Amino acid sequence: NRVYPYDTSVTVVPARYRVNQLNIAAYLLNKRGAEGQLVM
């Protein structure tokens, strides 16, 4: 969605952004149980 904001036909993440994909996935999984937390 960030790389191709106006082209929904692309379905494969370019190789140069796969690390971003991996880091985002890890962030989302590690944040489970504290979704939306602003301060604790």
Full PDB file with SEQRES, HELIX, SHEET, SSBOND, CRYST1, ORIGX, SCALE, CONECT and MASTER records, all heavy atoms in Angstrom:
SEQRES   1 A   40  ASN ARG VAL TYR PRO TYR ASP THR SER VAL THR VAL VAL          
SEQRES   2 A   40  PRO ALA ARG TYR ARG VAL ASN GLN LEU ASN ILE ALA ALA          
SEQRES   3 A   40  TYR LEU LEU ASN LYS ARG GLY ALA GLU GLY GLN LEU VAL          
SEQRES   4 A   40  MET                                                          
HELIX    1 AA1 ALA A   15  TYR A   17  5                                   3    
HELIX    2 AA2 ARG A   18  ASN A   30  1                                  13    
CRYST1    1.000    1.000    1.000  90.00  90.00  90.00 P 1           1          
ORIGX1      1.000000  0.000000  0.000000        0.00000                         
ORIGX2      0.000000  1.000000  0.000000        0.00000                         
ORIGX3      0.000000  0.000000  1.000000        0.00000                         
SCALE1      1.000000  0.000000  0.000000        0.00000                         
SCALE2      0.000000  1.000000  0.000000        0.00000                         
SCALE3      0.000000  0.000000  1.000000        0.00000                         
ATOM      1  N   ASN A   1       0.826  -1.207   0.000  1.00  0.00           N  
ATOM      2  CA  ASN A   1       0.000   0.000   0.000  1.00  0.00           C  
ATOM      3  C   ASN A   1       0.863   1.261   0.000  1.00  0.00           C  
ATOM      4  O   ASN A   1       0.444   2.288  -0.524  1.00  0.00           O  
ATOM      5  CB  ASN A   1      -0.945   0.023   1.202  1.00  0.00           C  
ATOM      6  CG  ASN A   1      -2.043  -1.004   1.088  1.00  0.00           C  
ATOM      7  OD1 ASN A   1      -2.322  -1.534   0.018  1.00  0.00           O  
ATOM      8  ND2 ASN A   1      -2.664  -1.317   2.210  1.00  0.00           N  
ATOM      9  N   ARG A   2       2.034   1.177   0.602  1.00  0.00           N  
ATOM     10  CA  ARG A   2       2.944   2.329   0.612  1.00  0.00           C  
ATOM     11  C   ARG A   2       3.732   2.433  -0.693  1.00  0.00           C  
ATOM     12  O   ARG A   2       3.970   3.520  -1.194  1.00  0.00           O  
ATOM     13  CB  ARG A   2       3.948   2.221   1.770  1.00  0.00           C  
ATOM     14  CG  ARG A   2       3.330   2.376   3.120  1.00  0.00           C  
ATOM     15  CD  ARG A   2       2.904   3.830   3.351  1.00  0.00           C  
ATOM     16  NE  ARG A   2       2.236   3.964   4.623  1.00  0.00           N  
ATOM     17  CZ  ARG A   2       2.673   4.710   5.614  1.00  0.00           C  
ATOM     18  NH1 ARG A   2       3.761   5.420   5.477  1.00  0.00           N  
ATOM     19  NH2 ARG A   2       2.001   4.758   6.740  1.00  0.00           N  
ATOM     20  N   VAL A   3       4.179   1.295  -1.205  1.00  0.00           N  
ATOM     21  CA  VAL A   3       4.989   1.305  -2.421  1.00  0.00           C  
ATOM     22  C   VAL A   3       4.135   1.630  -3.645  1.00  0.00           C  
ATOM     23  O   VAL A   3       4.545   2.406  -4.502  1.00  0.00           O  
ATOM     24  CB  VAL A   3       5.709  -0.047  -2.628  1.00  0.00           C  
ATOM     25  CG1 VAL A   3       6.508  -0.046  -3.930  1.00  0.00           C  
ATOM     26  CG2 VAL A   3       6.618  -0.362  -1.459  1.00  0.00           C  
ATOM     27  N   TYR A   4       2.966   1.023  -3.736  1.00  0.00           N  
ATOM     28  CA  TYR A   4       2.075   1.201  -4.885  1.00  0.00           C  
ATOM     29  C   TYR A   4       0.719   1.725  -4.409  1.00  0.00           C  
ATOM     30  O   TYR A   4      -0.277   0.994  -4.425  1.00  0.00           O  
ATOM     31  CB  TYR A   4       1.882  -0.120  -5.626  1.00  0.00           C  
ATOM     32  CG  TYR A   4       3.177  -0.757  -6.068  1.00  0.00           C  
ATOM     33  CD1 TYR A   4       3.718  -1.841  -5.387  1.00  0.00           C  
ATOM     34  CD2 TYR A   4       3.858  -0.265  -7.179  1.00  0.00           C  
ATOM     35  CE1 TYR A   4       4.906  -2.419  -5.795  1.00  0.00           C  
ATOM     36  CE2 TYR A   4       5.039  -0.842  -7.591  1.00  0.00           C  
ATOM     37  CZ  TYR A   4       5.565  -1.922  -6.900  1.00  0.00           C  
ATOM     38  OH  TYR A   4       6.739  -2.493  -7.305  1.00  0.00           O  
ATOM     39  N   PRO A   5       0.653   2.976  -3.987  1.00  0.00           N  
ATOM     40  CA  PRO A   5      -0.589   3.487  -3.410  1.00  0.00           C  
ATOM     41  C   PRO A   5      -1.763   3.527  -4.388  1.00  0.00           C  
ATOM     42  O   PRO A   5      -2.912   3.525  -3.963  1.00  0.00           O  
ATOM     43  CB  PRO A   5      -0.215   4.895  -2.933  1.00  0.00           C  
ATOM     44  CG  PRO A   5       0.993   5.265  -3.711  1.00  0.00           C  
ATOM     45  CD  PRO A   5       1.705   3.992  -4.011  1.00  0.00           C  
ATOM     46  N   TYR A   6      -1.489   3.535  -5.692  1.00  0.00           N  
ATOM     47  CA  TYR A   6      -2.563   3.642  -6.667  1.00  0.00           C  
ATOM     48  C   TYR A   6      -2.652   2.430  -7.584  1.00  0.00           C  
ATOM     49  O   TYR A   6      -3.346   2.469  -8.592  1.00  0.00           O  
ATOM     50  CB  TYR A   6      -2.386   4.914  -7.517  1.00  0.00           C  
ATOM     51  CG  TYR A   6      -2.343   6.146  -6.664  1.00  0.00           C  
ATOM     52  CD1 TYR A   6      -1.151   6.842  -6.481  1.00  0.00           C  
ATOM     53  CD2 TYR A   6      -3.478   6.592  -5.998  1.00  0.00           C  
ATOM     54  CE1 TYR A   6      -1.108   7.964  -5.665  1.00  0.00           C  
ATOM     55  CE2 TYR A   6      -3.437   7.713  -5.184  1.00  0.00           C  
ATOM     56  CZ  TYR A   6      -2.250   8.392  -5.030  1.00  0.00           C  
ATOM     57  OH  TYR A   6      -2.200   9.492  -4.222  1.00  0.00           O  
ATOM     58  N   ASP A   7      -1.955   1.366  -7.242  1.00  0.00           N  
ATOM     59  CA  ASP A   7      -1.954   0.161  -8.082  1.00  0.00           C  
ATOM     60  C   ASP A   7      -2.189  -1.069  -7.208  1.00  0.00           C  
ATOM     61  O   ASP A   7      -1.298  -1.518  -6.506  1.00  0.00           O  
ATOM     62  CB  ASP A   7      -0.618   0.039  -8.811  1.00  0.00           C  
ATOM     63  CG  ASP A   7      -0.596  -1.099  -9.817  1.00  0.00           C  
ATOM     64  OD1 ASP A   7      -1.596  -1.835  -9.925  1.00  0.00           O  
ATOM     65  OD2 ASP A   7       0.434  -1.244 -10.502  1.00  0.00           O  
ATOM     66  N   THR A   8      -3.392  -1.581  -7.257  1.00  0.00           N  
ATOM     67  CA  THR A   8      -3.734  -2.749  -6.437  1.00  0.00           C  
ATOM     68  C   THR A   8      -3.442  -4.073  -7.146  1.00  0.00           C  
ATOM     69  O   THR A   8      -3.674  -5.135  -6.574  1.00  0.00           O  
ATOM     70  CB  THR A   8      -5.215  -2.715  -6.033  1.00  0.00           C  
ATOM     71  OG1 THR A   8      -6.003  -2.676  -7.213  1.00  0.00           O  
ATOM     72  CG2 THR A   8      -5.512  -1.508  -5.160  1.00  0.00           C  
ATOM     73  N   SER A   9      -2.919  -4.009  -8.360  1.00  0.00           N  
ATOM     74  CA  SER A   9      -2.655  -5.249  -9.101  1.00  0.00           C  
ATOM     75  C   SER A   9      -1.350  -5.917  -8.676  1.00  0.00           C  
ATOM     76  O   SER A   9      -1.147  -7.101  -8.931  1.00  0.00           O  
ATOM     77  CB  SER A   9      -2.623  -4.971 -10.607  1.00  0.00           C  
ATOM     78  OG  SER A   9      -1.514  -4.148 -10.938  1.00  0.00           O  
ATOM     79  N   VAL A  10      -0.465  -5.183  -8.021  1.00  0.00           N  
ATOM     80  CA  VAL A  10       0.813  -5.751  -7.561  1.00  0.00           C  
ATOM     81  C   VAL A  10       0.559  -6.517  -6.280  1.00  0.00           C  
ATOM     82  O   VAL A  10      -0.029  -6.004  -5.331  1.00  0.00           O  
ATOM     83  CB  VAL A  10       1.866  -4.645  -7.335  1.00  0.00           C  
ATOM     84  CG1 VAL A  10       3.180  -5.256  -6.872  1.00  0.00           C  
ATOM     85  CG2 VAL A  10       2.061  -3.826  -8.592  1.00  0.00           C  
ATOM     86  N   THR A  11       1.002  -7.774  -6.250  1.00  0.00           N  
ATOM     87  CA  THR A  11       0.727  -8.630  -5.091  1.00  0.00           C  
ATOM     88  C   THR A  11       1.985  -9.182  -4.422  1.00  0.00           C  
ATOM     89  O   THR A  11       1.892  -9.875  -3.417  1.00  0.00           O  
ATOM     90  CB  THR A  11      -0.167  -9.815  -5.493  1.00  0.00           C  
ATOM     91  OG1 THR A  11       0.486 -10.557  -6.522  1.00  0.00           O  
ATOM     92  CG2 THR A  11      -1.526  -9.329  -5.989  1.00  0.00           C  
ATOM     93  N   VAL A  12       3.156  -8.879  -4.975  1.00  0.00           N  
ATOM     94  CA  VAL A  12       4.402  -9.400  -4.413  1.00  0.00           C  
ATOM     95  C   VAL A  12       5.251  -8.224  -3.915  1.00  0.00           C  
ATOM     96  O   VAL A  12       5.490  -7.277  -4.651  1.00  0.00           O  
ATOM     97  CB  VAL A  12       5.193 -10.200  -5.469  1.00  0.00           C  
ATOM     98  CG1 VAL A  12       6.516 -10.680  -4.908  1.00  0.00           C  
ATOM     99  CG2 VAL A  12       4.367 -11.378  -5.957  1.00  0.00           C  
ATOM    100  N   VAL A  13       5.679  -8.324  -2.674  1.00  0.00           N  
ATOM    101  CA  VAL A  13       6.515  -7.280  -2.079  1.00  0.00           C  
ATOM    102  C   VAL A  13       7.882  -7.308  -2.761  1.00  0.00           C  
ATOM    103  O   VAL A  13       8.509  -8.369  -2.850  1.00  0.00           O  
ATOM    104  CB  VAL A  13       6.673  -7.501  -0.556  1.00  0.00           C  
ATOM    105  CG1 VAL A  13       7.644  -6.503   0.046  1.00  0.00           C  
ATOM    106  CG2 VAL A  13       5.325  -7.432   0.132  1.00  0.00           C  
ATOM    107  N   PRO A  14       8.342  -6.159  -3.255  1.00  0.00           N  
ATOM    108  CA  PRO A  14       9.681  -6.129  -3.860  1.00  0.00           C  
ATOM    109  C   PRO A  14      10.745  -6.578  -2.859  1.00  0.00           C  
ATOM    110  O   PRO A  14      10.639  -6.329  -1.659  1.00  0.00           O  
ATOM    111  CB  PRO A  14       9.871  -4.643  -4.222  1.00  0.00           C  
ATOM    112  CG  PRO A  14       8.481  -4.104  -4.339  1.00  0.00           C  
ATOM    113  CD  PRO A  14       7.667  -4.864  -3.329  1.00  0.00           C  
ATOM    114  N   ALA A  15      11.768  -7.240  -3.363  1.00  0.00           N  
ATOM    115  CA  ALA A  15      12.813  -7.813  -2.507  1.00  0.00           C  
ATOM    116  C   ALA A  15      13.442  -6.774  -1.587  1.00  0.00           C  
ATOM    117  O   ALA A  15      13.753  -7.078  -0.431  1.00  0.00           O  
ATOM    118  CB  ALA A  15      13.888  -8.468  -3.374  1.00  0.00           C  
ATOM    119  N   ARG A  16      13.600  -5.545  -2.061  1.00  0.00           N  
ATOM    120  CA  ARG A  16      14.265  -4.526  -1.240  1.00  0.00           C  
ATOM    121  C   ARG A  16      13.447  -4.112  -0.029  1.00  0.00           C  
ATOM    122  O   ARG A  16      13.968  -3.487   0.896  1.00  0.00           O  
ATOM    123  CB  ARG A  16      14.618  -3.313  -2.084  1.00  0.00           C  
ATOM    124  CG  ARG A  16      13.408  -2.569  -2.593  1.00  0.00           C  
ATOM    125  CD  ARG A  16      13.745  -1.493  -3.573  1.00  0.00           C  
ATOM    126  NE  ARG A  16      14.300  -0.341  -2.886  1.00  0.00           N  
ATOM    127  CZ  ARG A  16      14.542   0.804  -3.472  1.00  0.00           C  
ATOM    128  NH1 ARG A  16      14.296   0.950  -4.756  1.00  0.00           N  
ATOM    129  NH2 ARG A  16      15.028   1.814  -2.789  1.00  0.00           N  
ATOM    130  N   TYR A  17      12.149  -4.451  -0.002  1.00  0.00           N  
ATOM    131  CA  TYR A  17      11.280  -4.079   1.115  1.00  0.00           C  
ATOM    132  C   TYR A  17      10.848  -5.274   1.971  1.00  0.00           C  
ATOM    133  O   TYR A  17      10.020  -5.131   2.856  1.00  0.00           O  
ATOM    134  CB  TYR A  17      10.044  -3.339   0.604  1.00  0.00           C  
ATOM    135  CG  TYR A  17      10.378  -2.060  -0.118  1.00  0.00           C  
ATOM    136  CD1 TYR A  17       9.915  -1.825  -1.396  1.00  0.00           C  
ATOM    137  CD2 TYR A  17      11.168  -1.088   0.486  1.00  0.00           C  
ATOM    138  CE1 TYR A  17      10.224  -0.648  -2.067  1.00  0.00           C  
ATOM    139  CE2 TYR A  17      11.483   0.087  -0.171  1.00  0.00           C  
ATOM    140  CZ  TYR A  17      11.012   0.296  -1.450  1.00  0.00           C  
ATOM    141  OH  TYR A  17      11.323   1.463  -2.099  1.00  0.00           O  
ATOM    142  N   ARG A  18      11.443  -6.434   1.735  1.00  0.00           N  
ATOM    143  CA  ARG A  18      11.058  -7.616   2.506  1.00  0.00           C  
ATOM    144  C   ARG A  18      11.500  -7.508   3.969  1.00  0.00           C  
ATOM    145  O   ARG A  18      10.843  -8.031   4.852  1.00  0.00           O  
ATOM    146  CB  ARG A  18      11.594  -8.878   1.857  1.00  0.00           C  
ATOM    147  CG  ARG A  18      10.914  -9.077   0.488  1.00  0.00           C  
ATOM    148  CD  ARG A  18      10.945 -10.457   0.021  1.00  0.00           C  
ATOM    149  NE  ARG A  18       9.539 -10.894  -0.014  1.00  0.00           N  
ATOM    150  CZ  ARG A  18       9.178 -12.141  -0.009  1.00  0.00           C  
ATOM    151  NH1 ARG A  18      10.075 -13.084   0.059  1.00  0.00           N  
ATOM    152  NH2 ARG A  18       7.911 -12.467  -0.050  1.00  0.00           N  
ATOM    153  N   VAL A  19      12.576  -6.812   4.228  1.00  0.00           N  
ATOM    154  CA  VAL A  19      13.009  -6.609   5.622  1.00  0.00           C  
ATOM    155  C   VAL A  19      11.985  -5.742   6.339  1.00  0.00           C  
ATOM    156  O   VAL A  19      11.652  -6.003   7.505  1.00  0.00           O  
ATOM    157  CB  VAL A  19      14.426  -5.987   5.683  1.00  0.00           C  
ATOM    158  CG1 VAL A  19      14.776  -5.566   7.085  1.00  0.00           C  
ATOM    159  CG2 VAL A  19      15.444  -6.975   5.158  1.00  0.00           C  
ATOM    160  N   ASN A  20      11.459  -4.721   5.655  1.00  0.00           N  
ATOM    161  CA  ASN A  20      10.401  -3.902   6.247  1.00  0.00           C  
ATOM    162  C   ASN A  20       9.192  -4.777   6.571  1.00  0.00           C  
ATOM    163  O   ASN A  20       8.597  -4.659   7.648  1.00  0.00           O  
ATOM    164  CB  ASN A  20       9.975  -2.789   5.284  1.00  0.00           C  
ATOM    165  CG  ASN A  20      11.064  -1.794   5.020  1.00  0.00           C  
ATOM    166  OD1 ASN A  20      11.928  -2.055   4.186  1.00  0.00           O  
ATOM    167  ND2 ASN A  20      11.044  -0.671   5.708  1.00  0.00           N  
ATOM    168  N   GLN A  21       8.835  -5.644   5.645  1.00  0.00           N  
ATOM    169  CA  GLN A  21       7.698  -6.546   5.845  1.00  0.00           C  
ATOM    170  C   GLN A  21       7.933  -7.426   7.074  1.00  0.00           C  
ATOM    171  O   GLN A  21       7.041  -7.574   7.920  1.00  0.00           O  
ATOM    172  CB  GLN A  21       7.493  -7.417   4.608  1.00  0.00           C  
ATOM    173  CG  GLN A  21       6.372  -8.414   4.738  1.00  0.00           C  
ATOM    174  CD  GLN A  21       6.276  -9.357   3.546  1.00  0.00           C  
ATOM    175  OE1 GLN A  21       7.135  -9.357   2.659  1.00  0.00           O  
ATOM    176  NE2 GLN A  21       5.234 -10.157   3.517  1.00  0.00           N  
ATOM    177  N   LEU A  22       9.116  -7.976   7.182  1.00  0.00           N  
ATOM    178  CA  LEU A  22       9.458  -8.844   8.309  1.00  0.00           C  
ATOM    179  C   LEU A  22       9.413  -8.081   9.628  1.00  0.00           C  
ATOM    180  O   LEU A  22       8.839  -8.556  10.614  1.00  0.00           O  
ATOM    181  CB  LEU A  22      10.847  -9.444   8.084  1.00  0.00           C  
ATOM    182  CG  LEU A  22      11.387 -10.369   9.152  1.00  0.00           C  
ATOM    183  CD1 LEU A  22      10.523 -11.615   9.274  1.00  0.00           C  
ATOM    184  CD2 LEU A  22      12.819 -10.741   8.847  1.00  0.00           C  
ATOM    185  N   ASN A  23       9.971  -6.890   9.655  1.00  0.00           N  
ATOM    186  CA  ASN A  23       9.977  -6.091  10.888  1.00  0.00           C  
ATOM    187  C   ASN A  23       8.574  -5.673  11.306  1.00  0.00           C  
ATOM    188  O   ASN A  23       8.250  -5.656  12.495  1.00  0.00           O  
ATOM    189  CB  ASN A  23      10.876  -4.868  10.724  1.00  0.00           C  
ATOM    190  CG  ASN A  23      12.337  -5.225  10.759  1.00  0.00           C  
ATOM    191  OD1 ASN A  23      12.735  -6.197  11.388  1.00  0.00           O  
ATOM    192  ND2 ASN A  23      13.149  -4.452  10.070  1.00  0.00           N  
ATOM    193  N   ILE A  24       7.737  -5.339  10.348  1.00  0.00           N  
ATOM    194  CA  ILE A  24       6.355  -4.961  10.658  1.00  0.00           C  
ATOM    195  C   ILE A  24       5.598  -6.162  11.208  1.00  0.00           C  
ATOM    196  O   ILE A  24       4.871  -6.054  12.200  1.00  0.00           O  
ATOM    197  CB  ILE A  24       5.652  -4.376   9.418  1.00  0.00           C  
ATOM    198  CG1 ILE A  24       6.252  -3.011   9.086  1.00  0.00           C  
ATOM    199  CG2 ILE A  24       4.149  -4.265   9.635  1.00  0.00           C  
ATOM    200  CD1 ILE A  24       5.850  -2.471   7.730  1.00  0.00           C  
ATOM    201  N   ALA A  25       5.781  -7.324  10.602  1.00  0.00           N  
ATOM    202  CA  ALA A  25       5.113  -8.538  11.086  1.00  0.00           C  
ATOM    203  C   ALA A  25       5.556  -8.860  12.510  1.00  0.00           C  
ATOM    204  O   ALA A  25       4.729  -9.182  13.373  1.00  0.00           O  
ATOM    205  CB  ALA A  25       5.407  -9.711  10.154  1.00  0.00           C  
ATOM    206  N   ALA A  26       6.855  -8.751  12.787  1.00  0.00           N  
ATOM    207  CA  ALA A  26       7.362  -9.019  14.138  1.00  0.00           C  
ATOM    208  C   ALA A  26       6.799  -8.008  15.128  1.00  0.00           C  
ATOM    209  O   ALA A  26       6.398  -8.373  16.237  1.00  0.00           O  
ATOM    210  CB  ALA A  26       8.893  -8.975  14.152  1.00  0.00           C  
ATOM    211  N   TYR A  27       6.740  -6.750  14.726  1.00  0.00           N  
ATOM    212  CA  TYR A  27       6.181  -5.710  15.586  1.00  0.00           C  
ATOM    213  C   TYR A  27       4.741  -6.034  15.952  1.00  0.00           C  
ATOM    214  O   TYR A  27       4.345  -5.956  17.123  1.00  0.00           O  
ATOM    215  CB  TYR A  27       6.273  -4.356  14.883  1.00  0.00           C  
ATOM    216  CG  TYR A  27       5.572  -3.248  15.628  1.00  0.00           C  
ATOM    217  CD1 TYR A  27       6.196  -2.594  16.682  1.00  0.00           C  
ATOM    218  CD2 TYR A  27       4.280  -2.868  15.292  1.00  0.00           C  
ATOM    219  CE1 TYR A  27       5.551  -1.583  17.373  1.00  0.00           C  
ATOM    220  CE2 TYR A  27       3.628  -1.861  15.978  1.00  0.00           C  
ATOM    221  CZ  TYR A  27       4.263  -1.225  17.015  1.00  0.00           C  
ATOM    222  OH  TYR A  27       3.624  -0.235  17.702  1.00  0.00           O  
ATOM    223  N   LEU A  28       3.952  -6.396  14.958  1.00  0.00           N  
ATOM    224  CA  LEU A  28       2.539  -6.694  15.203  1.00  0.00           C  
ATOM    225  C   LEU A  28       2.356  -7.899  16.116  1.00  0.00           C  
ATOM    226  O   LEU A  28       1.508  -7.899  17.005  1.00  0.00           O  
ATOM    227  CB  LEU A  28       1.812  -6.914  13.875  1.00  0.00           C  
ATOM    228  CG  LEU A  28       1.684  -5.678  12.991  1.00  0.00           C  
ATOM    229  CD1 LEU A  28       1.147  -6.062  11.613  1.00  0.00           C  
ATOM    230  CD2 LEU A  28       0.802  -4.633  13.640  1.00  0.00           C  
ATOM    231  N   LEU A  29       3.164  -8.932  15.912  1.00  0.00           N  
ATOM    232  CA  LEU A  29       3.052 -10.129  16.754  1.00  0.00           C  
ATOM    233  C   LEU A  29       3.528  -9.849  18.182  1.00  0.00           C  
ATOM    234  O   LEU A  29       2.918 -10.320  19.143  1.00  0.00           O  
ATOM    235  CB  LEU A  29       3.853 -11.283  16.152  1.00  0.00           C  
ATOM    236  CG  LEU A  29       3.248 -11.907  14.898  1.00  0.00           C  
ATOM    237  CD1 LEU A  29       4.221 -12.902  14.274  1.00  0.00           C  
ATOM    238  CD2 LEU A  29       1.926 -12.585  15.210  1.00  0.00           C  
ATOM    239  N   ASN A  30       4.588  -9.104  18.322  1.00  0.00           N  
ATOM    240  CA  ASN A  30       5.122  -8.815  19.654  1.00  0.00           C  
ATOM    241  C   ASN A  30       4.250  -7.850  20.447  1.00  0.00           C  
ATOM    242  O   ASN A  30       4.344  -7.786  21.662  1.00  0.00           O  
ATOM    243  CB  ASN A  30       6.546  -8.259  19.550  1.00  0.00           C  
ATOM    244  CG  ASN A  30       7.544  -9.326  19.197  1.00  0.00           C  
ATOM    245  OD1 ASN A  30       7.380 -10.488  19.530  1.00  0.00           O  
ATOM    246  ND2 ASN A  30       8.586  -8.937  18.486  1.00  0.00           N  
ATOM    247  N   LYS A  31       3.408  -7.118  19.766  1.00  0.00           N  
ATOM    248  CA  LYS A  31       2.550  -6.124  20.408  1.00  0.00           C  
ATOM    249  C   LYS A  31       1.199  -6.705  20.847  1.00  0.00           C  
ATOM    250  O   LYS A  31       0.439  -6.036  21.535  1.00  0.00           O  
ATOM    251  CB  LYS A  31       2.328  -4.979  19.417  1.00  0.00           C  
ATOM    252  CG  LYS A  31       1.677  -3.760  19.980  1.00  0.00           C  
ATOM    253  CD  LYS A  31       1.668  -2.658  18.958  1.00  0.00           C  
ATOM    254  CE  LYS A  31       0.285  -2.512  18.410  1.00  0.00           C  
ATOM    255  NZ  LYS A  31       0.064  -1.252  17.726  1.00  0.00           N  
ATOM    256  N   ARG A  32       0.944  -7.956  20.509  1.00  0.00           N  
ATOM    257  CA  ARG A  32      -0.347  -8.563  20.868  1.00  0.00           C  
ATOM    258  C   ARG A  32      -0.588  -8.474  22.367  1.00  0.00           C  
ATOM    259  O   ARG A  32       0.305  -8.686  23.174  1.00  0.00           O  
ATOM    260  CB  ARG A  32      -0.399 -10.035  20.450  1.00  0.00           C  
ATOM    261  CG  ARG A  32      -0.559 -10.218  18.974  1.00  0.00           C  
ATOM    262  CD  ARG A  32      -0.605 -11.657  18.597  1.00  0.00           C  
ATOM    263  NE  ARG A  32       0.657 -12.267  19.023  1.00  0.00           N  
ATOM    264  CZ  ARG A  32       0.814 -13.551  19.247  1.00  0.00           C  
ATOM    265  NH1 ARG A  32      -0.169 -14.373  19.099  1.00  0.00           N  
ATOM    266  NH2 ARG A  32       1.971 -14.018  19.629  1.00  0.00           N  
ATOM    267  N   GLY A  33      -1.802  -8.131  22.713  1.00  0.00           N  
ATOM    268  CA  GLY A  33      -2.166  -7.997  24.111  1.00  0.00           C  
ATOM    269  C   GLY A  33      -2.014  -6.578  24.619  1.00  0.00           C  
ATOM    270  O   GLY A  33      -2.490  -6.253  25.698  1.00  0.00           O  
ATOM    271  N   ALA A  34      -1.341  -5.748  23.847  1.00  0.00           N  
ATOM    272  CA  ALA A  34      -1.151  -4.352  24.248  1.00  0.00           C  
ATOM    273  C   ALA A  34      -1.516  -3.429  23.083  1.00  0.00           C  
ATOM    274  O   ALA A  34      -0.995  -2.329  22.976  1.00  0.00           O  
ATOM    275  CB  ALA A  34       0.296  -4.128  24.661  1.00  0.00           C  
ATOM    276  N   GLU A  35      -2.408  -3.891  22.220  1.00  0.00           N  
ATOM    277  CA  GLU A  35      -2.784  -3.121  21.045  1.00  0.00           C  
ATOM    278  C   GLU A  35      -3.302  -1.744  21.429  1.00  0.00           C  
ATOM    279  O   GLU A  35      -4.117  -1.617  22.331  1.00  0.00           O  
ATOM    280  CB  GLU A  35      -3.868  -3.852  20.228  1.00  0.00           C  
ATOM    281  CG  GLU A  35      -3.396  -5.133  19.581  1.00  0.00           C  
ATOM    282  CD  GLU A  35      -3.537  -6.343  20.477  1.00  0.00           C  
ATOM    283  OE1 GLU A  35      -3.771  -6.172  21.685  1.00  0.00           O  
ATOM    284  OE2 GLU A  35      -3.409  -7.457  19.972  1.00  0.00           O  
ATOM    285  N   GLY A  36      -2.824  -0.744  20.743  1.00  0.00           N  
ATOM    286  CA  GLY A  36      -3.308   0.601  20.948  1.00  0.00           C  
ATOM    287  C   GLY A  36      -2.823   1.279  22.216  1.00  0.00           C  
ATOM    288  O   GLY A  36      -3.234   2.397  22.508  1.00  0.00           O  
ATOM    289  N   GLN A  37      -1.982   0.635  22.964  1.00  0.00           N  
ATOM    290  CA  GLN A  37      -1.515   1.207  24.229  1.00  0.00           C  
ATOM    291  C   GLN A  37      -0.714   2.474  23.963  1.00  0.00           C  
ATOM    292  O   GLN A  37       0.175   2.492  23.130  1.00  0.00           O  
ATOM    293  CB  GLN A  37      -0.641   0.187  24.947  1.00  0.00           C  
ATOM    294  CG  GLN A  37      -0.211   0.609  26.309  1.00  0.00           C  
ATOM    295  CD  GLN A  37       0.518  -0.507  27.013  1.00  0.00           C  
ATOM    296  OE1 GLN A  37       1.555  -0.936  26.538  1.00  0.00           O  
ATOM    297  NE2 GLN A  37      -0.028  -0.980  28.099  1.00  0.00           N  
ATOM    298  N   LEU A  38      -1.050   3.519  24.669  1.00  0.00           N  
ATOM    299  CA  LEU A  38      -0.333   4.774  24.485  1.00  0.00           C  
ATOM    300  C   LEU A  38       0.736   4.965  25.540  1.00  0.00           C  
ATOM    301  O   LEU A  38       1.853   5.349  25.246  1.00  0.00           O  
ATOM    302  CB  LEU A  38      -1.310   5.956  24.500  1.00  0.00           C  
ATOM    303  CG  LEU A  38      -2.320   5.955  23.355  1.00  0.00           C  
ATOM    304  CD1 LEU A  38      -3.282   7.118  23.497  1.00  0.00           C  
ATOM    305  CD2 LEU A  38      -1.608   6.012  22.022  1.00  0.00           C  
ATOM    306  N   VAL A  39       0.412   4.692  26.796  1.00  0.00           N  
ATOM    307  CA  VAL A  39       1.400   4.835  27.867  1.00  0.00           C  
ATOM    308  C   VAL A  39       1.106   3.789  28.931  1.00  0.00           C  
ATOM    309  O   VAL A  39      -0.048   3.525  29.243  1.00  0.00           O  
ATOM    310  CB  VAL A  39       1.345   6.239  28.510  1.00  0.00           C  
ATOM    311  CG1 VAL A  39       2.310   6.340  29.677  1.00  0.00           C  
ATOM    312  CG2 VAL A  39       1.636   7.313  27.488  1.00  0.00           C  
ATOM    313  N   MET A  40       2.161   3.192  29.477  1.00  0.00           N  
ATOM    314  CA  MET A  40       2.021   2.279  30.600  1.00  0.00           C  
ATOM    315  C   MET A  40       3.292   2.353  31.423  1.00  0.00           C  
ATOM    316  O   MET A  40       4.383   2.352  30.880  1.00  0.00           O  
ATOM    317  CB  MET A  40       1.825   0.846  30.130  1.00  0.00           C  
ATOM    318  CG  MET A  40       1.655  -0.139  31.283  1.00  0.00           C  
ATOM    319  SD  MET A  40       1.884  -1.827  30.737  1.00  0.00           S  
ATOM    320  CE  MET A  40       3.270  -2.293  31.731  1.00  0.00           C  
TER     321      MET A  40                                                      
MASTER        0    0    0    2    0    0    0    6  320    1    0    4          
END                                                                             
